[in-house]
Protein backbone atom coordinates (compact mmCIF):
# COMPACT_ATOMS: atom_id res chain seq x y z
CA MET A 1 0.14 0.02 -0.06
CA LEU A 2 1.26 3.40 -0.95
CA SER A 3 2.26 5.75 1.97
CA LEU A 4 0.50 9.12 2.12
CA HIS A 5 3.75 10.77 1.61
CA ARG A 6 4.36 8.92 -1.65
CA VAL A 7 0.93 9.54 -2.78
CA PHE A 8 1.13 13.29 -2.16
CA GLY A 9 4.62 13.15 -4.05
CA ILE A 10 3.08 11.60 -7.15
CA ALA A 11 0.20 14.08 -6.99
CA THR A 12 2.64 16.96 -6.87
CA VAL A 13 4.62 15.53 -9.81
CA LEU A 14 1.47 15.03 -11.90
CA LEU A 15 0.32 18.53 -10.96
CA LEU A 16 3.54 20.10 -11.80
CA SER A 17 3.57 18.30 -15.22
CA ALA A 18 0.29 19.64 -16.20
CA SER A 19 1.09 23.13 -15.21
CA LEU A 20 4.32 22.89 -17.28
CA VAL A 21 2.47 21.79 -20.39
CA GLN A 22 0.05 24.59 -19.92
CA ALA A 23 2.69 27.23 -19.26
CA GLN A 24 4.67 26.01 -22.38
CA THR A 25 1.53 26.08 -24.64
CA THR A 26 0.67 29.53 -23.20
CA ALA A 27 4.32 30.76 -23.95
CA ALA A 28 4.06 29.51 -27.43
CA ALA A 29 0.91 31.34 -27.99
CA ASN A 30 2.20 34.43 -26.78
CA THR A 31 5.16 34.30 -29.04
CA LEU A 32 3.06 34.27 -32.25
CA PRO A 33 2.94 37.69 -33.97
CA ALA A 34 -0.11 39.90 -33.14
CA GLY A 35 -3.03 38.58 -35.16
CA ALA A 36 -1.49 35.22 -35.96
CA VAL A 37 -3.38 32.28 -34.98
CA GLY A 38 -1.26 29.32 -36.36
CA ILE A 39 2.19 28.61 -37.89
CA VAL A 40 3.20 26.16 -40.78
CA THR A 41 5.36 23.47 -39.24
CA ASN A 42 5.76 20.99 -42.00
CA LEU A 43 5.22 21.27 -45.68
CA GLN A 44 5.59 18.77 -48.67
CA GLY A 45 4.67 20.52 -51.80
CA SER A 46 3.26 23.94 -52.33
CA LEU A 47 0.87 25.94 -50.11
CA ASN A 48 -0.60 29.46 -50.51
CA THR A 49 -3.11 31.76 -49.07
CA GLY A 50 -5.65 33.62 -51.23
CA LYS A 51 -9.37 33.80 -51.84
CA PRO A 52 -10.59 33.06 -55.36
CA GLY A 53 -10.26 36.08 -57.59
CA THR A 54 -7.47 37.57 -55.53
CA ALA A 55 -3.54 37.34 -55.33
CA THR A 56 -2.23 34.44 -53.73
CA ARG A 57 0.71 34.66 -51.27
CA PRO A 58 2.91 31.48 -51.19
CA LEU A 59 3.57 29.97 -47.63
CA ALA A 60 6.54 28.29 -46.41
CA VAL A 61 7.66 26.55 -43.10
CA ASN A 62 7.41 28.95 -40.29
CA ALA A 63 5.07 31.25 -42.01
CA THR A 64 2.11 32.36 -39.82
CA VAL A 65 -1.63 32.29 -40.73
CA LYS A 66 -4.49 34.30 -39.33
CA GLU A 67 -8.22 34.17 -39.13
CA GLY A 68 -9.87 34.63 -42.47
CA ASP A 69 -6.94 33.25 -44.36
CA VAL A 70 -7.78 30.80 -47.10
CA LEU A 71 -5.27 28.00 -47.53
CA ASN A 72 -4.62 26.16 -50.84
CA THR A 73 -2.60 23.09 -51.47
CA GLY A 74 -1.16 21.87 -54.56
CA ALA A 75 -1.23 18.52 -56.12
CA GLY A 76 0.83 16.01 -53.94
CA THR A 77 1.01 18.45 -51.25
CA PHE A 78 0.54 17.86 -47.45
CA ALA A 79 0.77 20.77 -45.13
CA ARG A 80 0.66 20.68 -41.32
CA LEU A 81 -0.04 23.64 -39.25
CA LYS A 82 0.08 24.06 -35.23
CA MET A 83 -2.46 26.40 -34.06
CA VAL A 84 -2.23 28.94 -31.13
CA ASP A 85 -3.80 26.46 -28.76
CA GLY A 86 -1.79 23.56 -29.73
CA ALA A 87 -4.23 21.83 -32.14
CA GLU A 88 -2.86 20.35 -35.36
CA LEU A 89 -4.38 20.75 -38.74
CA VAL A 90 -3.09 18.73 -41.64
CA LEU A 91 -4.14 19.44 -45.34
CA ARG A 92 -4.18 16.89 -48.00
CA PRO A 93 -3.42 17.47 -51.71
CA ASN A 94 -5.61 19.66 -53.81
CA SER A 95 -7.40 21.11 -50.66
CA GLN A 96 -8.74 24.45 -49.87
CA ALA A 97 -9.62 25.38 -46.25
CA GLU A 98 -10.57 28.69 -44.68
CA ILE A 99 -9.62 29.58 -41.05
CA THR A 100 -13.22 31.15 -40.75
CA GLN A 101 -12.91 31.84 -36.80
CA TYR A 102 -10.14 31.16 -34.48
CA SER A 103 -10.03 32.71 -31.01
CA TYR A 104 -8.16 31.34 -28.12
CA LYS A 105 -6.97 33.13 -25.15
CA PRO A 106 -5.56 31.03 -22.36
CA ASN A 107 -7.22 33.14 -19.56
CA ALA A 108 -10.55 33.83 -21.35
CA PRO A 109 -12.15 30.56 -22.23
CA THR A 110 -15.62 32.38 -22.74
CA ALA A 111 -13.90 33.90 -25.87
CA ASP A 112 -13.10 30.36 -27.41
CA ASN A 113 -14.22 29.84 -30.95
CA ALA A 114 -12.89 27.86 -33.76
CA LEU A 115 -14.41 27.14 -37.27
CA ILE A 116 -12.71 25.87 -40.20
CA THR A 117 -14.30 25.86 -43.60
CA LEU A 118 -13.39 22.89 -45.76
CA VAL A 119 -14.10 24.01 -49.37
CA ARG A 120 -12.56 21.21 -51.24
CA GLY A 121 -10.08 18.24 -50.69
CA GLY A 122 -9.36 16.75 -47.15
CA LEU A 123 -7.86 17.34 -43.87
CA ARG A 124 -6.99 15.81 -40.46
CA SER A 125 -7.55 17.64 -37.32
CA ILE A 126 -6.00 16.99 -33.74
CA THR A 127 -7.87 18.84 -31.00
CA GLY A 128 -5.83 21.27 -28.90
CA LEU A 129 -6.50 23.01 -25.66
CA LEU A 130 -9.42 25.06 -26.93
CA GLY A 131 -11.26 21.91 -27.95
CA LYS A 132 -10.53 20.19 -24.75
CA ARG A 133 -12.03 22.87 -22.42
CA ASN A 134 -14.92 23.94 -24.95
CA PRO A 135 -15.42 21.36 -27.42
CA GLN A 136 -18.80 22.83 -28.25
CA GLN A 137 -16.80 25.88 -29.63
CA VAL A 138 -14.97 23.99 -32.31
CA SER A 139 -16.53 22.87 -35.61
CA PHE A 140 -15.82 22.34 -39.24
CA LYS A 141 -18.09 23.44 -42.10
CA THR A 142 -18.34 22.01 -45.69
CA ALA A 143 -20.68 22.47 -48.60
CA THR A 144 -23.03 19.65 -47.18
CA ALA A 145 -22.41 19.47 -43.36
CA THR A 146 -21.22 20.79 -40.04
CA VAL A 147 -18.76 18.62 -38.04
CA GLY A 148 -18.59 19.23 -34.31
CA ILE A 149 -16.07 17.64 -32.18
CA ARG A 150 -15.43 16.42 -28.53
CA GLY A 151 -11.82 15.80 -27.82
CA THR A 152 -11.12 14.43 -31.22
CA ILE A 153 -8.70 13.31 -33.90
CA VAL A 154 -10.88 13.47 -37.14
CA GLY A 155 -10.39 12.95 -40.87
CA ILE A 156 -12.71 14.84 -43.34
CA GLN A 157 -12.90 14.57 -47.00
CA GLN A 158 -15.08 16.71 -49.33
CA CYS A 159 -15.78 14.76 -52.50
CA ASN A 160 -16.97 16.33 -55.56
CA ASN A 161 -16.29 14.06 -58.45
CA ASP A 162 -12.63 14.19 -57.53
CA CYS A 163 -12.32 11.22 -55.22
CA THR A 164 -11.67 8.48 -57.52
CA GLY A 165 -7.95 8.34 -56.82
CA LEU A 166 -8.72 7.49 -53.13
CA LEU A 167 -9.97 4.06 -54.00
CA PRO A 168 -7.71 1.16 -52.60
CA SER A 169 -5.25 -0.56 -54.95
CA ASP A 170 -7.29 -3.78 -54.49
CA ALA A 171 -10.51 -2.47 -55.05
CA PRO A 172 -12.58 -4.85 -57.46
CA PRO A 173 -13.04 -3.97 -61.12
CA ASN A 174 -15.79 -1.65 -61.79
CA THR A 175 -15.83 -0.27 -58.25
CA PRO A 176 -17.70 2.94 -58.34
CA PRO A 177 -15.91 6.17 -57.16
CA PRO A 178 -16.96 7.27 -53.69
CA PRO A 179 -20.16 9.41 -53.53
CA ASN A 180 -20.16 12.93 -53.36
CA GLY A 181 -20.43 14.74 -50.11
CA THR A 182 -18.74 14.96 -46.87
CA HIS A 183 -16.78 11.80 -45.60
CA VAL A 184 -15.96 11.67 -41.97
CA GLU A 185 -13.58 9.29 -40.11
CA VAL A 186 -13.41 9.33 -36.25
CA ILE A 187 -10.01 8.20 -35.29
CA GLN A 188 -10.35 9.28 -31.65
CA GLY A 189 -12.91 10.85 -29.53
CA LEU A 190 -16.63 11.51 -30.68
CA VAL A 191 -17.79 13.61 -33.70
CA ALA A 192 -21.27 15.07 -34.49
CA LEU A 193 -22.02 14.98 -38.17
CA ASN A 194 -24.90 17.37 -38.89
CA SER A 195 -26.97 17.91 -42.12
CA GLY A 196 -30.54 17.96 -43.32
CA GLY A 197 -31.77 18.67 -39.83
CA ALA A 198 -30.34 15.47 -38.24
CA GLN A 199 -27.21 14.64 -36.47
CA LEU A 200 -25.17 11.63 -36.47
CA LEU A 201 -22.91 11.08 -33.31
CA LEU A 202 -19.90 8.89 -34.37
CA GLY A 203 -17.34 7.25 -31.96
CA ALA A 204 -13.63 6.21 -32.45
CA GLY A 205 -13.42 3.82 -35.46
CA SER A 206 -16.75 4.99 -37.05
CA PHE A 207 -17.31 6.57 -40.34
CA GLY A 208 -20.08 8.81 -41.65
CA LEU A 209 -21.25 10.64 -44.91
CA SER A 210 -23.30 13.60 -45.58
CA ARG A 211 -24.26 13.56 -49.14
CA THR A 212 -26.10 16.96 -49.41
CA ALA A 213 -26.99 19.80 -47.03
CA ASN A 214 -30.68 18.65 -47.22
CA THR A 215 -30.23 14.92 -46.56
CA ALA A 216 -29.52 13.39 -43.12
CA PRO A 217 -26.08 11.94 -42.49
CA GLN A 218 -25.42 8.29 -43.02
CA ALA A 219 -23.25 5.84 -40.97
CA VAL A 220 -20.77 4.22 -43.23
CA ALA A 221 -19.91 0.40 -43.31
CA ARG A 222 -16.51 -0.99 -43.32
CA ASN A 223 -16.57 -2.00 -46.95
CA GLN A 224 -14.19 -1.05 -49.73
CA ALA A 225 -12.27 1.33 -47.50
CA LEU A 226 -10.40 4.18 -49.12
CA GLN A 227 -6.79 4.59 -48.33
CA GLN A 228 -6.22 8.39 -47.23
CA ASN A 229 -2.43 7.93 -46.47
CA ILE A 230 -0.70 10.67 -44.65
CA PRO A 231 3.13 10.53 -44.58
CA ALA A 232 4.59 9.94 -40.97
CA SER A 233 7.19 12.70 -41.82
CA ILE A 234 4.40 15.26 -41.66
CA PHE A 235 3.84 14.87 -38.06
CA ARG A 236 7.50 15.38 -37.05
CA ASP A 237 8.69 18.94 -35.97
CA THR A 238 11.14 20.15 -38.23
CA THR A 239 10.85 24.08 -38.06
CA SER A 240 13.13 26.48 -36.15
CA SER A 241 11.95 29.64 -34.63
CA THR A 242 12.05 32.66 -36.76
CA SER A 243 10.69 36.25 -36.76
CA GLY A 244 9.40 35.96 -33.23
CA THR A 245 7.52 32.88 -33.97
CA ASN A 246 7.73 29.61 -31.99
CA SER A 247 7.26 26.33 -33.79
CA ASN A 248 7.88 24.24 -30.84
CA ALA A 249 4.37 24.64 -29.09
CA GLN A 250 3.51 21.90 -26.95
CA VAL A 251 0.60 19.96 -28.53
CA PRO A 252 -1.39 16.97 -27.66
CA SER A 253 0.43 13.70 -28.62
CA THR A 254 -0.63 12.39 -32.04
CA THR A 255 -1.79 8.78 -32.22
CA ASP A 256 -1.92 6.54 -35.20
CA ALA A 257 0.18 8.99 -37.16
CA THR A 258 1.57 6.36 -39.56
CA THR A 259 -1.80 4.40 -39.89
CA PRO A 260 -3.52 4.88 -43.17
CA SER A 261 -6.72 6.84 -42.62
CA THR A 262 -9.84 5.16 -44.25
CA LEU A 263 -12.88 6.73 -45.92
CA LEU A 264 -15.49 4.42 -47.16
CA ALA A 265 -17.43 4.06 -50.59
CA THR A 266 -20.43 2.14 -49.26
CA GLU A 267 -22.88 3.44 -46.64
CA GLN A 268 -25.92 2.59 -44.37
CA THR A 269 -28.78 5.01 -44.08
CA VAL A 270 -29.79 5.65 -40.53
CA THR A 271 -32.91 7.34 -39.54
CA SER A 272 -33.33 9.90 -36.67
CA SER A 273 -33.08 8.57 -33.02
CA THR A 274 -32.20 5.05 -34.39
CA GLU A 275 -29.25 3.14 -33.04
CA VAL A 276 -27.19 0.86 -35.26
CA GLY A 277 -26.04 -2.43 -33.97
CA THR A 278 -23.62 -4.84 -35.30
CA ASN A 279 -26.19 -7.16 -36.91
CA VAL A 280 -25.47 -7.50 -40.48
CA SER A 281 -29.01 -7.63 -41.32
CA ASN A 282 -29.11 -3.87 -40.52
CA LEU A 283 -27.16 -3.19 -43.52
CA PRO A 284 -28.36 -2.66 -47.06
CA ALA A 285 -27.30 -4.43 -50.17
CA PRO A 286 -23.88 -3.43 -51.49
CA ALA A 287 -23.65 -0.39 -53.67
CA ALA A 288 -23.61 -0.89 -57.53
CA GLY A 289 -20.47 -2.73 -58.54
CA LEU A 290 -19.95 -4.33 -55.04
CA GLN A 291 -22.43 -7.12 -55.20
CA ASN A 292 -19.98 -9.56 -54.58
CA GLN A 293 -18.49 -7.89 -51.45
CA ALA A 294 -20.32 -8.64 -48.26
CA PRO A 295 -21.19 -5.58 -46.29
CA ALA A 296 -19.32 -5.33 -42.91
CA PRO A 297 -21.15 -4.50 -39.58
CA VAL A 298 -21.35 -0.71 -38.73
CA ALA A 299 -19.89 0.00 -35.21
CA ASN A 300 -22.37 -0.15 -32.50
CA ASN A 301 -21.65 3.22 -31.32
CA VAL A 302 -23.08 4.94 -34.18
CA VAL A 303 -26.24 6.85 -33.28
CA VAL A 304 -28.38 9.60 -35.09
CA PHE A 305 -29.72 11.89 -32.55
CA PRO A 306 -32.65 14.50 -33.15
CA PRO A 307 -31.53 18.08 -33.90
CA SER A 308 -32.27 19.06 -30.22
CA PHE A 309 -29.00 17.31 -29.11
CA SER A 310 -26.33 19.66 -30.09
CA PRO A 311 -22.67 19.20 -28.93
CA ASN A 312 -21.60 21.82 -31.37
CA ARG A 313 -22.66 25.17 -32.62
CA SER A 314 -25.59 25.52 -34.93
CA ALA A 315 -24.64 25.68 -38.73
CA SER A 316 -26.26 29.14 -38.64
CA THR A 317 -23.23 30.45 -36.82
CA SER A 318 -20.88 29.38 -39.46
CA GLY A 319 -19.89 32.71 -40.66
CA GLY A 320 -21.43 31.93 -44.28
CA GLY A 321 -21.11 34.88 -46.73
CA ARG A 322 -18.34 36.46 -44.72
CA SER A 323 -15.76 35.05 -47.29
CA ALA A 324 -15.44 34.08 -50.97
CA ALA A 325 -14.27 30.73 -49.85
CA SER A 326 -17.48 29.82 -48.06
CA PRO A 327 -19.48 27.18 -49.75
CA ASN A 328 -22.79 29.02 -48.97
């Protein structure tokens, strides 16, 4: 049995460690230039910021970004950013994402607010301190859905007749491309996928799809998984401090950094307030071209809740119309 003295000592060490992480993250935030909300830490390929119809500005490692910036990645490009609260954002090739809103002040949690608008392509997000203390204030907006988080590592892919290349190399002949819409993969934590007046709550290892803004989100079966590989090197800190920035901000440790992210091509429709179990009979027939592939069970932690259950802000607060990059 541990002595009281030893228990006190362990508790003190844990408290000091937690305080150190908070202090380091706060210090990192304070070293960003005024108005900056993030910094490019890793870049493989080309990255620029600029809205449609305006001049673009190329971004390199150590470049900072601010609220309202529209980030564009080129073909074959992966870009990783660390945000002011320690969150991480990895953009995939041929992607466009706007930092629509990003407000984090260590001593003012009531001011927390983060909204990323994904116009095209894909991203992976790792929650920072803002999302840990105020998860309802973090969300992602696409043309078809709003994605809310609860302490999450999440992958989001917006397909618009441009996701054929994400099919796995061993996909059967004549496999149709993934359907258009917003595909979501939950790697860690919980995600609320909202569209069509309904909400789909997804746990770790689950997948969802919002086809249009007017249709309810769907749980997606583990069948014909798409390989959305992200190079492990993109998660390694390689930047150096320049121009008053600090690229060594303390961030939550990443998990499964080298594990391929999967987005799926077949899906299961779920109605409001209906829980999906692991019974294969719950699943529909395979999509066209997949008749010879048996559908896999959907995770039993997938539920569609009525709109009254809202862990994230309403889509009406997404700032639509404030930027040319907004899909609205």
